[in-house]
Each structure stands twice: as C-alpha cells, then as structure tokens.
Amino acid sequence: MASDGSRCLRCGEQFDYDDGACPNCGWSSAEFRSRGRYNLARPGTGEWGED
C-alpha cells in the first residue's frame, strides 16, 4: 500500500506499511483499513440516498 517513508498514525514512527504493524507501538494499517472507511462510516453522515 504505502512506500518506505510512511509514518505510523499512532506514534509517528517511520515504517513500511507493507511490513505489517509498527515496530514501535504495534499499530497496524491493515487493521485500520478493515474497520471500513477508517471507522468513520456512521448512519446520518450524509451518504447518498439518505433522506
């Protein structure tokens, strides 16, 4: 997904997202993405088709 030089969204440590979890704090980009729309998908947030 990301190239070398990406930073952890939790602690800011530089690491390659393709390597898995951040070696400093354990944050995982794959887990972050798996929560759907980065865990922002909530009812009533203006999605198309909502009245």
Protein backbone atom coordinates (compact mmCIF):
# COMPACT_ATOMS: atom_id res chain seq x y z
CA MET A 1 0.00 0.00 0.00
CA ALA A 2 2.43 2.65 1.14
CA SER A 3 6.05 3.09 0.23
CA ASP A 4 9.01 3.32 2.54
CA GLY A 5 8.82 6.53 4.48
CA SER A 6 5.22 6.19 5.67
CA ARG A 7 4.61 7.21 9.24
CA CYS A 8 2.58 5.43 11.90
CA LEU A 9 -0.73 7.17 12.50
CA ARG A 10 -0.47 6.45 16.23
CA CYS A 11 3.10 7.34 17.20
CA GLY A 12 4.66 8.85 14.06
CA GLU A 13 7.42 6.24 13.72
CA GLN A 14 8.59 5.79 10.14
CA PHE A 15 7.93 2.28 8.77
CA ASP A 16 6.74 0.46 5.65
CA TYR A 17 3.01 -0.31 5.94
CA ASP A 18 3.56 -3.48 3.88
CA ASP A 19 5.72 -4.85 6.72
CA GLY A 20 2.65 -5.14 8.96
CA ALA A 21 2.49 -3.47 12.35
CA CYS A 22 4.53 -0.52 13.54
CA PRO A 23 7.67 -1.81 15.28
CA ASN A 24 7.42 0.98 17.85
CA CYS A 25 3.80 0.77 19.07
CA GLY A 26 2.12 -2.11 17.20
CA TRP A 27 -0.35 0.00 15.17
CA SER A 28 -1.50 -1.92 12.07
CA SER A 29 -2.54 -0.21 8.84
CA ALA A 30 -4.39 -3.36 7.73
CA GLU A 31 -6.49 -3.37 10.91
CA PHE A 32 -7.13 0.36 10.48
CA ARG A 33 -8.40 -0.15 6.91
CA SER A 34 -10.51 -3.19 7.84
CA ARG A 35 -12.78 -1.10 10.06
CA GLY A 36 -14.48 0.36 6.96
CA ARG A 37 -13.94 3.93 5.82
CA TYR A 38 -11.36 4.21 8.57
CA ASN A 39 -14.12 3.70 11.17
CA LEU A 40 -15.91 6.88 10.02
CA ALA A 41 -18.92 5.15 8.43
CA ARG A 42 -21.84 6.03 10.67
CA PRO A 43 -25.54 6.48 9.95
CA GLY A 44 -26.61 10.04 9.25
CA THR A 45 -23.33 11.29 7.86
CA GLY A 46 -24.78 12.47 4.55
CA GLU A 47 -24.43 9.34 2.47
CA TRP A 48 -26.11 9.35 -0.94
CA GLY A 49 -29.65 8.01 -0.81
CA GLU A 50 -30.33 9.09 2.77
CA ASP A 51 -33.39 11.25 3.26
